[in-house]
Amino acid sequence: MVSGVNERRSGNYPIPSSVSMILGLLESSGYEAYIVGGAVRDMLLGLNPHDFDISSSSYPDETIRVLEAAGIRHIDNASVHGTVTAITDEGNIEITAFRVDGEYSDLRRPDSVRFTRSIEEDVRRRDFTVNSLYMEKDGSVKDITGGTEDLEKGIIRTVGDPEERFGEDALRILRAMRFASRFGFEIEDDTFIAMEKCAGELNRISAERIATELTGIVCGMHTSSVIRRCWKIMSVIIPEIALCHGFDQRTKFHDRNCLEHILAVLDGIPLEEHEGARPSRDPVLAMAALLHDLGKPECFRINANGVAHMKGHPEAGRRISERVLTGLKYPKRFTEEVCRLVEFHDVYTPPERPAVHKVLCKVGPDLYEKLKVLQKADIMAHSELGRKRLEKLEYMSVIADELKQSGAVFASKDLEISGDDIIALGCPKGPEVGKILDALFERYLDGDITNSRDLLIKSAKEMIS
């Protein structure tokens, strides 16, 4: 028992047998060993952890000797950060020596690491109190930072001085926001003040690391309340958020300022249940909801009658979205889908088959299902007058479903005629072939011809002659 430690005994935590085995091997060899970090936090919250990490008083070479003696395969990463990875049938388990970190000159990794036999020293280098808990193999939880109390009260607080913690790794600012969004925790005041003060250091953090945390923030159950409080921090990553904060849209279709409307749309994206985890939102939809109206301040105009409008804001929003997501190095497909949703979020065609068909072709029939969700959330975040568009959306949805069920096609390549057919009819190879295919597809969309090979061939002959 470590002196000065609060102890909390568990009930039945789902500790995998491989984790218990390794803890037992290290303890029987004379070392302290504990489950640490997010796994302990999640178990106390009644969630199923995805990963189990172990910290031990054994140094890496000592850990390797214990594993080899037990015939357990391993990966030696000790030269990087003092970690040895045990390979088990239940998955890989990282075992890291208790350590004390040196300076963080790159705001990411410590310049040096010193191993220690003291769990107290190891715990005090961690980011937040709720992540500083450690658990023995019998399920007893030990706490020297007040993490159990903060967990019970739902508080995010740094271990020690918050400016020091964020000065070591500025990404912890976004991690605090992600935990608050995921769990609904409140960020403690001194921690929040330090977050705002140190937010500029996020510009020194790699794009990929920021993207991971940003996705976690927007997908959480409580994202709107977190962004509402932390909008200045979010604006370091996405400057347009600051422009939307408090921006009066001055239109009868809205009863909220621009940022509050965006947050209401985010709240309107449905939560998806996940076994053993907190509900979360679809990442593509959540990101599109965050970005969809960021182009409004840029497009804001007052006409001769004194009426405000923001024509072109979906296209401006697409440009902003592409810049943000490309800059943060999101996957190409993710970026394309979010940008398409932003571009088309304000498209409401007449409830006629050709018009709806053209929208499906531009958006894609699969992505259209997400567009409907985004549009409904957007409409419901309008004023009562703006919500009248819901009826038009419902008509469009019915037609879209009928189109998909009827076997309609949504690209010229899926017509019952090919480029080879057009060449065989006498059209020379080259750009003209594609132009004819596109023209045939337009006639199909307009309802002038069906997707019948005979009719398509006949129409192609007329275009060539």
Protein backbone atom coordinates (compact mmCIF):
# COMPACT_ATOMS: atom_id res chain seq x y z
CA MET A 1 0.00 0.00 0.00
CA VAL A 2 1.44 3.36 -1.04
CA SER A 3 1.33 5.99 1.69
CA GLY A 4 -0.99 8.96 1.25
CA VAL A 5 -3.14 7.16 -1.30
CA ASN A 6 -6.92 7.08 -1.32
CA GLU A 7 -8.12 3.55 -2.02
CA ARG A 8 -11.38 2.50 -3.56
CA ARG A 9 -12.21 -1.17 -3.91
CA SER A 10 -13.92 -2.29 -7.04
CA GLY A 11 -16.80 -4.62 -7.49
CA ASN A 12 -16.49 -6.70 -10.62
CA TYR A 13 -14.40 -4.87 -13.15
CA PRO A 14 -13.98 -6.69 -16.49
CA ILE A 15 -10.20 -7.10 -16.32
CA PRO A 16 -9.04 -9.46 -19.11
CA SER A 17 -7.28 -12.61 -17.93
CA SER A 18 -4.14 -11.72 -19.92
CA VAL A 19 -3.88 -8.39 -18.09
CA SER A 20 -4.34 -10.07 -14.71
CA MET A 21 -1.72 -12.66 -15.65
CA ILE A 22 0.91 -10.05 -16.54
CA LEU A 23 0.16 -8.05 -13.40
CA GLY A 24 0.62 -11.25 -11.39
CA LEU A 25 3.90 -12.12 -13.14
CA LEU A 26 5.38 -8.71 -12.41
CA GLU A 27 4.19 -8.70 -8.80
CA SER A 28 5.50 -12.21 -8.16
CA SER A 29 8.87 -11.02 -9.50
CA GLY A 30 8.97 -8.29 -6.84
CA TYR A 31 7.67 -5.31 -8.80
CA GLU A 32 4.66 -3.03 -8.44
CA ALA A 33 2.31 -3.15 -11.41
CA TYR A 34 -1.01 -1.44 -12.05
CA ILE A 35 -3.60 -0.84 -14.75
CA VAL A 36 -3.47 2.88 -15.50
CA GLY A 37 -5.07 5.65 -17.50
CA GLY A 38 -8.29 5.61 -19.48
CA ALA A 39 -9.08 1.97 -18.78
CA VAL A 40 -9.45 2.68 -15.06
CA ARG A 41 -11.52 5.78 -15.73
CA ASP A 42 -13.85 3.94 -18.11
CA MET A 43 -14.35 0.99 -15.78
CA LEU A 44 -15.31 3.34 -12.95
CA LEU A 45 -17.84 4.89 -15.32
CA GLY A 46 -19.28 1.48 -16.16
CA LEU A 47 -17.85 1.43 -19.69
CA ASN A 48 -15.85 -1.30 -21.42
CA PRO A 49 -12.28 -0.15 -22.09
CA HIS A 50 -10.81 -0.83 -25.52
CA ASP A 51 -7.20 -0.91 -24.35
CA PHE A 52 -5.49 -1.83 -21.13
CA ASP A 53 -2.16 -0.23 -20.30
CA ILE A 54 0.08 -1.31 -17.45
CA SER A 55 2.62 0.75 -15.54
CA SER A 56 5.25 -1.02 -13.50
CA SER A 57 8.17 -0.30 -11.21
CA SER A 58 10.17 -2.70 -13.39
CA TYR A 59 12.48 -1.07 -15.88
CA PRO A 60 12.13 -2.19 -19.53
CA ASP A 61 14.97 -4.74 -19.41
CA GLU A 62 13.49 -6.17 -16.23
CA THR A 63 10.03 -6.36 -17.81
CA ILE A 64 11.48 -8.21 -20.79
CA ARG A 65 13.15 -10.78 -18.53
CA VAL A 66 9.83 -11.44 -16.77
CA LEU A 67 7.99 -11.88 -20.06
CA GLU A 68 10.68 -14.13 -21.57
CA ALA A 69 10.75 -16.31 -18.48
CA ALA A 70 6.99 -16.82 -18.89
CA GLY A 71 7.32 -17.52 -22.62
CA ILE A 72 5.35 -14.39 -23.62
CA ARG A 73 6.26 -12.81 -26.94
CA HIS A 74 6.94 -9.09 -26.85
CA ILE A 75 7.96 -5.99 -28.80
CA ASP A 76 10.72 -3.86 -27.31
CA ASN A 77 9.91 -0.16 -27.72
CA ALA A 78 11.89 0.86 -24.68
CA SER A 79 14.30 3.06 -26.62
CA VAL A 80 11.38 5.27 -27.68
CA HIS A 81 9.34 5.77 -24.50
CA GLY A 82 10.18 3.02 -22.05
CA THR A 83 7.42 0.69 -23.22
CA VAL A 84 7.44 -3.04 -23.79
CA THR A 85 4.44 -4.52 -25.61
CA ALA A 86 3.31 -7.99 -24.56
CA ILE A 87 1.62 -10.00 -27.31
CA THR A 88 -1.28 -12.10 -26.02
CA ASP A 89 -4.27 -13.93 -27.45
CA GLU A 90 -6.52 -11.16 -26.09
CA GLY A 91 -4.51 -8.42 -27.80
CA ASN A 92 -1.35 -6.43 -27.25
CA ILE A 93 -0.72 -4.92 -23.82
CA GLU A 94 1.68 -2.03 -23.34
CA ILE A 95 3.81 -2.15 -20.19
CA THR A 96 5.56 1.11 -19.38
CA ALA A 97 8.05 1.75 -16.62
CA PHE A 98 7.16 4.37 -14.01
CA ARG A 99 8.83 7.50 -15.32
CA VAL A 100 9.43 11.20 -14.87
CA ASP A 101 9.35 13.32 -18.02
CA GLY A 102 11.85 16.04 -18.86
CA GLU A 103 11.11 19.25 -20.79
CA TYR A 104 8.67 19.22 -23.74
CA SER A 105 10.44 21.52 -26.20
CA ASP A 106 8.23 20.36 -29.12
CA LEU A 107 5.00 20.40 -27.08
CA ARG A 108 4.55 16.72 -27.86
CA ARG A 109 7.18 14.41 -26.44
CA PRO A 110 9.51 14.93 -23.48
CA ASP A 111 13.11 15.65 -24.45
CA SER A 112 14.20 13.09 -21.89
CA VAL A 113 12.68 10.39 -19.70
CA ARG A 114 13.92 9.18 -16.33
CA PHE A 115 12.67 5.87 -15.00
CA THR A 116 11.61 5.72 -11.39
CA ARG A 117 10.43 3.12 -8.89
CA SER A 118 7.78 5.51 -7.55
CA ILE A 119 4.18 5.33 -8.77
CA GLU A 120 3.57 8.76 -7.18
CA GLU A 121 6.15 10.39 -9.46
CA ASP A 122 4.67 8.62 -12.47
CA VAL A 123 1.12 9.71 -11.67
CA ARG A 124 2.01 13.36 -11.16
CA ARG A 125 3.21 13.71 -14.78
CA ARG A 126 -0.19 12.70 -16.19
CA ASP A 127 -2.65 15.11 -17.79
CA PHE A 128 -5.93 15.04 -15.84
CA THR A 129 -6.91 13.72 -12.45
CA VAL A 130 -9.54 11.41 -13.93
CA ASN A 131 -6.78 9.79 -16.00
CA SER A 132 -4.32 9.48 -13.12
CA LEU A 133 -6.03 6.60 -11.29
CA TYR A 134 -4.36 3.22 -11.08
CA MET A 135 -5.78 -0.21 -10.32
CA GLU A 136 -4.39 -3.43 -8.89
CA LYS A 137 -5.33 -6.83 -10.28
CA ASP A 138 -7.86 -7.34 -7.49
CA GLY A 139 -9.74 -4.26 -8.70
CA SER A 140 -8.75 -1.87 -5.93
CA VAL A 141 -8.32 1.65 -7.27
CA LYS A 142 -5.71 4.01 -5.86
CA ASP A 143 -5.77 7.77 -6.18
CA ILE A 144 -3.27 10.42 -5.09
CA THR A 145 -4.65 13.36 -7.11
CA GLY A 146 -8.36 13.44 -6.21
CA GLY A 147 -9.32 11.77 -9.47
CA THR A 148 -12.06 9.58 -7.99
CA GLU A 149 -13.81 12.60 -6.50
CA ASP A 150 -13.51 14.53 -9.76
CA LEU A 151 -14.87 11.52 -11.63
CA GLU A 152 -17.87 11.32 -9.30
CA LYS A 153 -18.53 15.07 -9.63
CA GLY A 154 -17.89 15.09 -13.39
CA ILE A 155 -14.96 17.51 -13.38
CA ILE A 156 -12.00 17.82 -15.75
CA ARG A 157 -8.99 19.12 -13.82
CA THR A 158 -5.29 18.93 -14.61
CA VAL A 159 -2.85 17.11 -12.38
CA GLY A 160 -0.90 19.96 -10.80
CA ASP A 161 -0.50 23.39 -12.39
CA PRO A 162 -2.64 23.61 -15.56
CA GLU A 163 -0.30 25.99 -17.40
CA GLU A 164 2.56 23.55 -16.85
CA ARG A 165 0.51 20.63 -18.15
CA PHE A 166 -0.60 22.52 -21.27
CA GLY A 167 2.89 23.94 -21.70
CA GLU A 168 4.18 20.37 -21.91
CA ASP A 169 1.65 19.30 -24.53
CA ALA A 170 -0.86 21.81 -25.88
CA LEU A 171 -2.95 18.99 -27.35
CA ARG A 172 -4.16 18.38 -23.80
CA ILE A 173 -6.34 21.47 -24.31
CA LEU A 174 -8.34 19.63 -26.97
CA ARG A 175 -8.25 16.40 -24.95
CA ALA A 176 -9.98 18.23 -22.09
CA MET A 177 -12.65 19.38 -24.53
CA ARG A 178 -13.03 15.86 -25.95
CA PHE A 179 -13.51 14.36 -22.48
CA ALA A 180 -16.05 17.07 -21.63
CA SER A 181 -17.90 16.41 -24.89
CA ARG A 182 -17.86 12.64 -24.49
CA PHE A 183 -18.74 12.41 -20.80
CA GLY A 184 -20.59 15.67 -20.15
CA PHE A 185 -17.97 16.73 -17.59
CA GLU A 186 -17.42 20.34 -16.57
CA ILE A 187 -13.96 21.81 -17.12
CA GLU A 188 -12.72 23.24 -13.82
CA ASP A 189 -12.29 27.02 -13.89
CA ASP A 190 -8.51 27.28 -13.41
CA THR A 191 -8.02 24.54 -16.00
CA PHE A 192 -10.28 26.41 -18.44
CA ILE A 193 -8.49 29.73 -17.90
CA ALA A 194 -5.17 28.05 -18.65
CA MET A 195 -6.66 26.39 -21.74
CA GLU A 196 -7.65 29.76 -23.19
CA LYS A 197 -4.31 31.29 -22.24
CA CYS A 198 -2.30 28.50 -23.89
CA ALA A 199 -4.60 27.94 -26.89
CA GLY A 200 -2.23 29.69 -29.31
CA GLU A 201 0.26 26.87 -28.79
CA LEU A 202 -2.10 24.58 -30.71
CA ASN A 203 -0.58 26.10 -33.86
CA ARG A 204 2.56 24.14 -33.04
CA ILE A 205 0.75 20.80 -32.84
CA SER A 206 0.67 18.42 -35.81
CA ALA A 207 -2.44 18.47 -37.98
CA GLU A 208 -3.12 14.76 -37.55
CA ARG A 209 -3.17 14.97 -33.75
CA ILE A 210 -5.54 17.95 -33.83
CA ALA A 211 -7.84 16.16 -36.29
CA THR A 212 -8.20 13.15 -34.00
CA GLU A 213 -9.23 15.30 -31.05
CA LEU A 214 -11.49 17.54 -33.14
CA THR A 215 -13.40 14.52 -34.40
CA GLY A 216 -13.85 13.32 -30.82
CA ILE A 217 -15.13 16.74 -29.77
CA VAL A 218 -17.77 17.08 -32.50
CA CYS A 219 -18.98 13.49 -32.15
CA GLY A 220 -19.57 13.63 -28.40
CA MET A 221 -22.93 13.75 -26.65
CA HIS A 222 -22.24 17.19 -25.17
CA THR A 223 -20.38 18.90 -28.00
CA SER A 224 -22.60 22.02 -28.19
CA SER A 225 -22.04 23.01 -24.56
CA VAL A 226 -18.29 22.45 -24.91
CA ILE A 227 -17.96 24.52 -28.09
CA ARG A 228 -20.20 27.22 -26.63
CA ARG A 229 -17.78 27.67 -23.74
CA CYS A 230 -14.59 26.99 -25.69
CA TRP A 231 -15.35 28.90 -28.90
CA LYS A 232 -12.17 30.97 -28.62
CA ILE A 233 -10.10 27.80 -28.46
CA MET A 234 -11.97 26.29 -31.41
CA SER A 235 -11.28 29.48 -33.35
CA VAL A 236 -7.54 28.81 -33.19
CA ILE A 237 -8.22 25.74 -35.35
CA ILE A 238 -11.15 27.16 -37.36
CA PRO A 239 -11.01 31.00 -37.37
CA GLU A 240 -14.51 31.33 -38.90
CA ILE A 241 -16.03 30.13 -35.62
CA ALA A 242 -15.04 33.45 -34.05
CA LEU A 243 -16.82 35.28 -36.89
CA CYS A 244 -19.99 33.26 -36.26
CA HIS A 245 -19.95 33.85 -32.49
CA GLY A 246 -22.68 36.39 -31.75
CA PHE A 247 -23.26 37.00 -35.47
CA ASP A 248 -26.82 38.31 -35.91
CA GLN A 249 -28.29 36.76 -39.05
CA ARG A 250 -31.01 39.42 -39.20
CA THR A 251 -33.52 37.23 -40.97
CA LYS A 252 -37.03 36.13 -40.05
CA PHE A 253 -36.03 32.54 -40.77
CA HIS A 254 -33.63 32.46 -37.81
CA ASP A 255 -34.13 33.18 -34.12
CA ARG A 256 -30.53 32.40 -33.08
CA ASN A 257 -27.17 33.93 -33.89
CA CYS A 258 -25.04 32.02 -36.37
CA LEU A 259 -22.94 30.02 -33.90
CA GLU A 260 -25.96 29.14 -31.77
CA HIS A 261 -27.73 27.92 -34.90
CA ILE A 262 -24.72 25.75 -35.77
CA LEU A 263 -24.71 24.27 -32.27
CA ALA A 264 -28.43 23.57 -32.47
CA VAL A 265 -27.84 21.70 -35.75
CA LEU A 266 -25.10 19.67 -34.08
CA ASP A 267 -27.54 18.77 -31.31
CA GLY A 268 -29.99 17.67 -33.99
CA ILE A 269 -27.61 15.05 -35.44
CA PRO A 270 -28.82 11.75 -33.93
CA LEU A 271 -26.70 9.90 -31.40
CA GLU A 272 -25.78 6.32 -32.21
CA GLU A 273 -25.64 3.68 -29.49
CA HIS A 274 -22.47 1.63 -28.99
CA GLU A 275 -22.36 -1.35 -26.67
CA GLY A 276 -20.24 -0.63 -23.62
CA ALA A 277 -19.52 2.96 -24.69
CA ARG A 278 -21.13 6.38 -24.61
CA PRO A 279 -23.40 7.21 -27.57
CA SER A 280 -21.75 9.30 -30.28
CA ARG A 281 -22.55 10.96 -33.59
CA ASP A 282 -21.60 9.94 -37.10
CA PRO A 283 -18.27 11.75 -37.78
CA VAL A 284 -19.13 12.89 -41.33
CA LEU A 285 -22.52 14.27 -40.26
CA ALA A 286 -21.18 15.89 -37.09
CA MET A 287 -18.33 17.60 -38.94
CA ALA A 288 -20.69 18.79 -41.69
CA ALA A 289 -23.02 20.21 -39.04
CA LEU A 290 -20.14 22.14 -37.47
CA LEU A 291 -18.95 23.55 -40.79
CA HIS A 292 -22.17 23.99 -42.77
CA ASP A 293 -22.85 27.68 -42.08
CA LEU A 294 -19.34 29.04 -41.52
CA GLY A 295 -19.56 30.86 -44.85
CA LYS A 296 -22.45 33.08 -43.76
CA PRO A 297 -20.49 36.07 -42.37
CA GLU A 298 -18.48 36.22 -45.61
CA CYS A 299 -21.67 36.28 -47.72
CA PHE A 300 -23.77 38.57 -45.52
CA ARG A 301 -25.40 41.41 -47.46
CA ILE A 302 -28.23 43.90 -46.86
CA ASN A 303 -30.39 44.59 -49.92
CA ALA A 304 -32.05 47.88 -50.91
CA ASN A 305 -35.08 47.03 -48.79
CA GLY A 306 -32.94 46.54 -45.69
CA VAL A 307 -33.40 42.77 -45.74
CA ALA A 308 -30.39 40.58 -44.94
CA HIS A 309 -29.45 37.63 -47.10
CA MET A 310 -26.46 35.28 -47.30
CA LYS A 311 -26.67 33.95 -50.84
CA GLY A 312 -23.82 31.68 -51.80
CA HIS A 313 -22.99 30.69 -48.23
CA PRO A 314 -23.08 26.93 -48.98
CA GLU A 315 -20.39 27.35 -51.65
CA ALA A 316 -18.35 29.56 -49.31
CA GLY A 317 -18.85 26.95 -46.59
CA ARG A 318 -17.55 24.26 -48.90
CA ARG A 319 -14.37 26.27 -49.57
CA ILE A 320 -13.86 26.79 -45.85
CA SER A 321 -14.52 23.11 -45.13
CA GLU A 322 -12.08 21.98 -47.78
CA ARG A 323 -9.38 24.30 -46.43
CA VAL A 324 -9.92 23.20 -42.83
CA LEU A 325 -10.15 19.45 -43.46
CA THR A 326 -7.33 19.36 -46.00
CA GLY A 327 -5.15 21.41 -43.68
CA LEU A 328 -5.83 18.96 -40.85
CA LYS A 329 -5.03 16.07 -43.22
CA TYR A 330 -8.34 14.26 -42.91
CA PRO A 331 -8.74 11.31 -45.30
CA LYS A 332 -9.70 12.31 -48.84
CA ARG A 333 -13.05 10.50 -48.81
CA PHE A 334 -14.03 12.01 -45.45
CA THR A 335 -13.18 15.48 -46.72
CA GLU A 336 -15.10 15.00 -49.98
CA GLU A 337 -18.23 13.74 -48.22
CA VAL A 338 -18.27 16.53 -45.65
CA CYS A 339 -17.70 19.16 -48.34
CA ARG A 340 -20.52 17.77 -50.48
CA LEU A 341 -22.92 17.84 -47.53
CA VAL A 342 -21.96 21.43 -46.76
CA GLU A 343 -22.37 22.46 -50.41
CA PHE A 344 -25.83 20.90 -50.76
CA HIS A 345 -27.23 21.40 -47.26
CA ASP A 346 -29.42 24.31 -48.44
CA VAL A 347 -30.69 22.72 -51.67
CA TYR A 348 -34.46 22.24 -51.67
CA THR A 349 -35.73 21.45 -55.16
CA PRO A 350 -39.34 21.48 -56.35
CA PRO A 351 -40.86 18.13 -55.32
CA GLU A 352 -40.61 16.80 -58.85
CA ARG A 353 -38.90 13.61 -59.97
CA PRO A 354 -36.37 15.15 -62.44
CA ALA A 355 -35.25 17.84 -59.98
CA VAL A 356 -34.80 15.39 -57.10
CA HIS A 357 -33.08 12.92 -59.43
CA LYS A 358 -30.49 15.56 -60.37
CA VAL A 359 -29.76 16.28 -56.72
CA LEU A 360 -29.18 12.59 -56.05
CA CYS A 361 -26.80 12.44 -59.00
CA LYS A 362 -24.77 15.36 -57.67
CA VAL A 363 -24.71 14.25 -54.05
CA GLY A 364 -24.67 10.49 -54.58
CA PRO A 365 -27.57 8.21 -53.59
CA ASP A 366 -25.77 6.85 -50.52
CA LEU A 367 -24.59 10.22 -49.20
CA TYR A 368 -28.08 11.61 -49.81
CA GLU A 369 -29.27 9.61 -46.79
CA LYS A 370 -26.88 11.65 -44.64
CA LEU A 371 -27.86 14.86 -46.40
CA LYS A 372 -31.48 14.28 -45.35
CA VAL A 373 -30.39 13.96 -41.73
CA LEU A 374 -28.33 17.15 -41.92
CA GLN A 375 -31.11 19.07 -43.65
CA LYS A 376 -33.69 18.02 -41.09
CA ALA A 377 -31.41 19.07 -38.23
CA ASP A 378 -30.76 22.36 -40.02
CA ILE A 379 -34.47 23.05 -40.60
CA MET A 380 -35.39 22.26 -37.00
CA ALA A 381 -32.76 24.78 -35.83
CA HIS A 382 -34.56 27.60 -37.71
CA SER A 383 -37.35 29.83 -36.47
CA GLU A 384 -40.93 28.61 -36.74
CA LEU A 385 -41.19 30.23 -40.18
CA GLY A 386 -37.98 28.53 -41.34
CA ARG A 387 -39.20 25.15 -40.14
CA LYS A 388 -41.92 25.18 -42.80
CA ARG A 389 -39.35 23.81 -45.24
CA LEU A 390 -39.61 20.47 -43.47
CA GLU A 391 -42.65 19.58 -45.61
CA LYS A 392 -40.65 20.16 -48.82
CA LEU A 393 -37.81 17.98 -47.46
CA GLU A 394 -40.28 15.19 -46.72
CA TYR A 395 -41.66 15.32 -50.29
CA MET A 396 -38.11 15.18 -51.66
CA SER A 397 -37.31 12.20 -49.45
CA VAL A 398 -40.31 10.27 -50.71
CA ILE A 399 -39.33 10.87 -54.34
CA ALA A 400 -35.70 9.97 -53.62
CA ASP A 401 -36.77 6.68 -52.06
CA GLU A 402 -39.00 5.92 -55.05
CA LEU A 403 -36.12 6.64 -57.44
CA LYS A 404 -33.76 4.29 -55.63
CA GLN A 405 -36.36 1.54 -55.35
CA SER A 406 -37.29 1.83 -59.03
CA GLY A 407 -33.78 1.04 -60.21
CA ALA A 408 -32.98 4.55 -61.42
CA VAL A 409 -29.36 5.24 -62.30
CA PHE A 410 -27.36 8.19 -61.03
CA ALA A 411 -24.38 8.42 -63.38
CA SER A 412 -23.91 8.26 -67.14
CA LYS A 413 -21.61 5.26 -66.75
CA ASP A 414 -24.60 3.24 -65.52
CA LEU A 415 -26.74 3.83 -68.61
CA GLU A 416 -27.54 0.90 -70.88
CA ILE A 417 -25.13 2.33 -73.45
CA SER A 418 -21.36 2.69 -73.36
CA GLY A 419 -18.69 4.72 -75.05
CA ASP A 420 -17.82 1.72 -77.22
CA ASP A 421 -21.43 1.63 -78.44
CA ILE A 422 -21.25 5.30 -79.44
CA ILE A 423 -17.95 4.75 -81.28
CA ALA A 424 -19.51 1.78 -83.07
CA LEU A 425 -22.29 4.11 -84.27
CA GLY A 426 -19.70 6.22 -86.08
CA CYS A 427 -18.56 8.75 -83.51
CA PRO A 428 -14.77 9.22 -83.58
CA LYS A 429 -12.85 8.45 -80.43
CA GLY A 430 -12.23 11.48 -78.22
CA PRO A 431 -14.06 14.04 -76.06
CA GLU A 432 -17.17 13.92 -78.28
CA VAL A 433 -17.97 10.43 -76.96
CA GLY A 434 -18.20 11.71 -73.41
CA LYS A 435 -20.27 14.71 -74.48
CA ILE A 436 -22.82 12.42 -76.13
CA LEU A 437 -23.00 10.21 -73.04
CA ASP A 438 -23.56 13.28 -70.86
CA ALA A 439 -26.26 14.57 -73.22
CA LEU A 440 -28.02 11.21 -73.17
CA PHE A 441 -27.87 11.21 -69.39
CA GLU A 442 -29.38 14.70 -69.24
CA ARG A 443 -32.24 13.57 -71.48
CA TYR A 444 -32.74 10.56 -69.19
CA LEU A 445 -32.80 12.81 -66.10
CA ASP A 446 -35.30 15.15 -67.74
CA GLY A 447 -37.58 12.20 -68.40
CA ASP A 448 -37.35 12.51 -72.20
CA ILE A 449 -36.10 8.93 -72.57
CA THR A 450 -35.91 5.88 -70.34
CA ASN A 451 -32.82 3.82 -69.63
CA SER A 452 -33.66 1.53 -72.53
CA ARG A 453 -30.77 0.41 -74.70
CA ASP A 454 -32.83 0.67 -77.90
CA LEU A 455 -33.98 4.20 -77.10
CA LEU A 456 -30.48 5.27 -76.08
CA ILE A 457 -29.00 3.87 -79.28
CA LYS A 458 -31.65 5.65 -81.33
CA SER A 459 -31.01 8.98 -79.54
CA ALA A 460 -27.24 8.59 -79.93
CA LYS A 461 -27.63 8.01 -83.70
CA GLU A 462 -29.62 11.24 -83.97
CA MET A 463 -26.88 13.17 -82.12
CA ILE A 464 -24.12 11.73 -84.32
CA SER A 465 -25.94 12.30 -87.60
